[in-house]
Amino acid sequence: MVPLRDENPISITPYVTYGLIAANVLVFFYELSLSDRQLTQFFYSWAVVPCQLSNVCRVSLPVSSFPEWTTLISSQFLHAGFLHIAGNMLFLWIFGNNVEDRLGHVKFIIFYLTCGVLASLTQWYFSSASAIPSLGASGAIAGVMGAYILRYPQAKVLTLLPLGIFITTVRIPAFFFLGFWFAQQALSGLASLNAPASVGMESGGVAYWAHAGGFVFGAILGPLLGLFSEEDKI
């Protein structure tokens, strides 16, 4: 199932959502300009490498001149391929605007980055000795989805649905669409506890625990930051 759009009106222009999409795309274009060797160095410098964050790496890896904890933020703007960034930006575009509308611009950027950090730490908890870079906006966007399902459970999401050789569109309540997505991530995380994972789709791994953790933290942080408040947002 691929979401195409939601049907909720918004009262403010989602500048932060658009800005985040633009920032991710610009960084991805920069990645495309790098050679394979430079890209590997770039990922090890700016993505979360769990064993470096834990300081338990058993092999020599490229290091950044910045503190390792800064990668908890910088990794949110890195992507491993076209499918990776396209999927993430599609979900951010569909669900981010309504959550930004409810939280306001300032709280939304705080919410988004915090969810991304907590999602990465969730993945790190389950793979603290891994030397595989973990990167992508998926954890932060999962947080947006966790907030969205609480605020708009009955909202209809226009969804592309393949049926064998046929493709159709259906309107699915957000509660079912996002609930199914979360269950899939949690179950996949349980199934991959003994397997290394990275967010880079084209390297063969998906950070399911980052997705599930981001979703849960988004559902917790959203209400705390005013997800259900009717006050004017800035």
Protein backbone atom coordinates (compact mmCIF):
# COMPACT_ATOMS: atom_id res chain seq x y z
CA MET A 1 0.00 0.00 0.00
CA VAL A 2 1.32 3.42 -0.97
CA PRO A 3 -0.33 6.58 0.44
CA LEU A 4 -1.08 9.29 -2.11
CA ARG A 5 -2.63 12.02 0.02
CA ASP A 6 -4.77 12.66 3.08
CA GLU A 7 -8.02 14.60 3.03
CA ASN A 8 -7.57 16.92 6.01
CA PRO A 9 -7.51 20.68 5.40
CA ILE A 10 -4.75 22.73 7.03
CA SER A 11 -4.92 26.31 8.30
CA ILE A 12 -1.23 27.25 8.04
CA THR A 13 1.35 26.84 5.31
CA PRO A 14 3.60 23.94 6.41
CA TYR A 15 6.89 25.77 5.89
CA VAL A 16 8.84 23.41 8.15
CA THR A 17 7.62 20.31 6.33
CA TYR A 18 8.54 21.83 2.98
CA GLY A 19 11.89 22.96 4.38
CA LEU A 20 12.70 19.49 5.71
CA ILE A 21 11.87 17.93 2.35
CA ALA A 22 14.07 20.49 0.57
CA ALA A 23 16.96 19.91 3.00
CA ASN A 24 16.80 16.14 2.56
CA VAL A 25 16.71 16.44 -1.23
CA LEU A 26 19.65 18.88 -1.29
CA VAL A 27 21.78 16.58 0.88
CA PHE A 28 20.86 13.64 -1.36
CA PHE A 29 21.96 15.57 -4.45
CA TYR A 30 25.26 16.22 -2.69
CA GLU A 31 25.59 12.49 -2.00
CA LEU A 32 25.13 11.81 -5.71
CA SER A 33 28.14 14.01 -6.46
CA LEU A 34 30.45 11.84 -4.34
CA SER A 35 32.50 8.88 -5.44
CA ASP A 36 31.85 5.51 -3.78
CA ARG A 37 34.83 6.00 -1.48
CA GLN A 38 33.81 9.54 -0.57
CA LEU A 39 30.22 8.44 0.05
CA THR A 40 31.35 5.70 2.42
CA GLN A 41 33.47 8.22 4.33
CA PHE A 42 30.53 10.63 4.36
CA PHE A 43 28.16 8.04 5.80
CA TYR A 44 30.61 6.95 8.49
CA SER A 45 31.17 10.59 9.44
CA TRP A 46 27.54 11.74 9.56
CA ALA A 47 25.36 8.63 10.02
CA VAL A 48 24.85 6.89 13.35
CA VAL A 49 27.34 4.05 13.74
CA PRO A 50 26.07 2.21 16.83
CA CYS A 51 29.43 0.83 17.94
CA GLN A 52 30.99 4.30 17.70
CA LEU A 53 28.16 5.75 19.75
CA SER A 54 28.77 2.97 22.31
CA ASN A 55 32.57 3.29 21.94
CA VAL A 56 32.91 -0.47 21.50
CA CYS A 57 33.99 -0.79 17.85
CA ARG A 58 36.31 -3.75 17.28
CA VAL A 59 37.44 -2.54 13.86
CA SER A 60 38.98 0.70 12.69
CA LEU A 61 36.35 2.94 11.11
CA PRO A 62 36.40 6.44 9.63
CA VAL A 63 35.62 9.02 12.28
CA SER A 64 34.23 12.55 12.22
CA SER A 65 35.83 15.58 13.84
CA PHE A 66 32.47 16.29 15.47
CA PRO A 67 31.18 14.52 18.63
CA GLU A 68 29.50 11.22 17.79
CA TRP A 69 26.20 12.27 19.38
CA THR A 70 25.75 14.92 16.67
CA THR A 71 25.11 12.10 14.18
CA LEU A 72 21.77 11.50 15.94
CA ILE A 73 20.62 14.65 14.14
CA SER A 74 22.75 14.69 10.98
CA SER A 75 21.81 11.09 10.12
CA GLN A 76 18.19 12.20 9.73
CA PHE A 77 19.11 14.03 6.51
CA LEU A 78 21.00 11.17 4.83
CA HIS A 79 19.56 8.57 2.47
CA ALA A 80 21.00 5.50 0.80
CA GLY A 81 19.20 5.59 -2.55
CA PHE A 82 16.37 6.95 -4.66
CA LEU A 83 13.73 4.58 -3.27
CA HIS A 84 14.80 5.38 0.27
CA ILE A 85 14.44 9.14 -0.04
CA ALA A 86 11.37 9.00 -2.31
CA GLY A 87 9.44 6.84 0.17
CA ASN A 88 10.43 8.94 3.16
CA MET A 89 9.63 12.28 1.55
CA LEU A 90 6.27 10.98 0.31
CA PHE A 91 5.23 10.01 3.85
CA LEU A 92 6.56 13.31 5.27
CA TRP A 93 4.67 15.33 2.65
CA ILE A 94 1.40 13.46 3.28
CA PHE A 95 1.39 13.35 7.07
CA GLY A 96 3.74 16.17 8.12
CA ASN A 97 1.59 19.12 7.08
CA ASN A 98 -1.34 18.22 9.35
CA VAL A 99 0.86 17.55 12.38
CA GLU A 100 2.70 20.83 11.78
CA ASP A 101 -0.71 22.51 11.50
CA ARG A 102 -1.64 21.28 14.99
CA LEU A 103 1.73 21.87 16.70
CA GLY A 104 2.84 25.04 14.94
CA HIS A 105 6.14 25.59 13.14
CA VAL A 106 8.45 25.89 16.16
CA LYS A 107 7.08 22.95 18.13
CA PHE A 108 6.92 20.81 15.00
CA ILE A 109 10.63 21.11 14.21
CA ILE A 110 11.47 20.33 17.86
CA PHE A 111 9.06 17.40 17.75
CA TYR A 112 10.43 16.09 14.45
CA LEU A 113 14.12 16.19 15.40
CA THR A 114 13.45 14.78 18.88
CA CYS A 115 11.52 11.84 17.42
CA GLY A 116 14.42 11.22 15.04
CA VAL A 117 16.94 11.21 17.87
CA LEU A 118 14.84 8.88 20.04
CA ALA A 119 14.19 6.58 17.08
CA SER A 120 17.94 6.27 16.44
CA LEU A 121 18.57 5.56 20.11
CA THR A 122 15.92 2.83 20.00
CA GLN A 123 17.74 1.17 17.11
CA TRP A 124 21.06 1.66 18.89
CA TYR A 125 19.71 -0.07 21.99
CA PHE A 126 19.04 -3.23 20.01
CA SER A 127 22.28 -3.16 17.99
CA SER A 128 24.77 -1.22 20.10
CA ALA A 129 27.79 -3.16 18.78
CA SER A 130 26.93 -2.87 15.09
CA ALA A 131 29.41 -1.20 12.76
CA ILE A 132 26.79 -0.58 10.06
CA PRO A 133 25.83 3.08 9.55
CA SER A 134 22.19 3.82 10.35
CA LEU A 135 20.72 6.70 8.40
CA GLY A 136 17.54 8.23 7.04
CA ALA A 137 14.54 10.32 8.03
CA SER A 138 12.37 7.26 8.65
CA GLY A 139 12.48 7.40 12.46
CA ALA A 140 11.49 11.07 12.61
CA ILE A 141 8.74 10.53 10.05
CA ALA A 142 7.50 7.53 12.02
CA GLY A 143 7.11 9.96 14.94
CA VAL A 144 4.98 12.20 12.72
CA MET A 145 2.84 9.19 11.86
CA GLY A 146 2.48 8.27 15.54
CA ALA A 147 1.13 11.73 16.28
CA TYR A 148 -1.08 11.70 13.19
CA ILE A 149 -2.84 8.45 14.11
CA LEU A 150 -3.82 9.94 17.49
CA ARG A 151 -5.05 13.26 16.12
CA TYR A 152 -6.72 12.02 12.94
CA PRO A 153 -7.61 8.33 13.41
CA GLN A 154 -10.64 8.50 11.11
CA ALA A 155 -9.04 10.64 8.40
CA LYS A 156 -9.18 9.00 5.00
CA VAL A 157 -5.86 8.34 3.28
CA LEU A 158 -6.05 7.90 -0.48
CA THR A 159 -3.94 4.81 -1.07
CA LEU A 160 -2.54 3.07 -4.12
CA LEU A 161 -3.39 -0.64 -3.81
CA PRO A 162 -1.89 -3.26 -6.18
CA LEU A 163 -4.23 -6.20 -6.87
CA GLY A 164 -2.21 -8.67 -8.87
CA ILE A 165 -1.71 -7.14 -12.30
CA PHE A 166 -4.24 -4.40 -11.52
CA ILE A 167 -3.72 -1.22 -9.51
CA THR A 168 -6.54 0.70 -7.86
CA THR A 169 -6.96 3.46 -5.29
CA VAL A 170 -8.92 3.16 -2.05
CA ARG A 171 -9.61 5.49 0.87
CA ILE A 172 -8.37 3.85 4.06
CA PRO A 173 -8.90 5.29 7.58
CA ALA A 174 -5.59 6.46 9.02
CA PHE A 175 -6.09 4.22 12.04
CA PHE A 176 -5.98 1.10 9.87
CA PHE A 177 -3.30 2.30 7.44
CA LEU A 178 -0.86 3.51 10.09
CA GLY A 179 -1.81 0.80 12.58
CA PHE A 180 -0.96 -1.87 10.00
CA TRP A 181 2.32 -0.09 9.21
CA PHE A 182 3.31 0.05 12.89
CA ALA A 183 2.43 -3.61 13.48
CA GLN A 184 4.54 -4.56 10.47
CA GLN A 185 7.55 -2.64 11.78
CA ALA A 186 7.25 -4.03 15.31
CA LEU A 187 6.90 -7.63 14.14
CA SER A 188 9.77 -7.25 11.69
CA GLY A 189 11.89 -5.80 14.49
CA LEU A 190 11.19 -8.82 16.66
CA ALA A 191 12.06 -11.12 13.78
CA SER A 192 15.38 -9.39 13.12
CA LEU A 193 16.73 -9.08 16.67
CA ASN A 194 19.78 -11.16 15.77
CA ALA A 195 20.38 -9.54 12.38
CA PRO A 196 22.37 -6.35 11.70
CA ALA A 197 20.27 -3.55 10.26
CA SER A 198 20.73 -0.21 8.60
CA VAL A 199 18.21 2.20 7.21
CA GLY A 200 19.73 2.12 3.75
CA MET A 201 17.26 0.11 1.69
CA GLU A 202 19.74 -0.53 -1.05
CA SER A 203 22.27 -2.01 1.38
CA GLY A 204 19.72 -4.65 2.28
CA GLY A 205 18.72 -3.53 5.77
CA VAL A 206 15.86 -1.66 7.39
CA ALA A 207 15.99 -0.24 10.92
CA TYR A 208 12.64 -1.60 12.06
CA TRP A 209 13.24 -0.72 15.71
CA ALA A 210 13.92 2.90 14.75
CA HIS A 211 10.59 2.96 12.92
CA ALA A 212 8.65 1.39 15.77
CA GLY A 213 10.42 3.51 18.39
CA GLY A 214 9.85 6.72 16.46
CA PHE A 215 6.15 5.91 16.10
CA VAL A 216 5.71 5.29 19.84
CA PHE A 217 7.66 8.39 20.87
CA GLY A 218 5.70 10.48 18.37
CA ALA A 219 2.44 9.28 19.92
CA ILE A 220 3.79 10.28 23.36
CA LEU A 221 5.41 13.60 22.49
CA GLY A 222 2.64 14.90 20.22
CA PRO A 223 0.04 15.36 22.97
CA LEU A 224 2.68 16.75 25.33
CA LEU A 225 3.50 19.48 22.81
CA GLY A 226 -0.11 20.45 22.19
CA LEU A 227 -1.34 18.10 19.48
CA PHE A 228 -4.93 18.44 20.76
CA SER A 229 -4.74 22.13 21.68
CA GLU A 230 -6.98 24.54 19.77
CA GLU A 231 -4.79 27.58 20.43
CA ASP A 232 -3.29 29.51 17.54
CA LYS A 233 0.01 28.01 16.46
CA ILE A 234 3.23 29.75 15.42
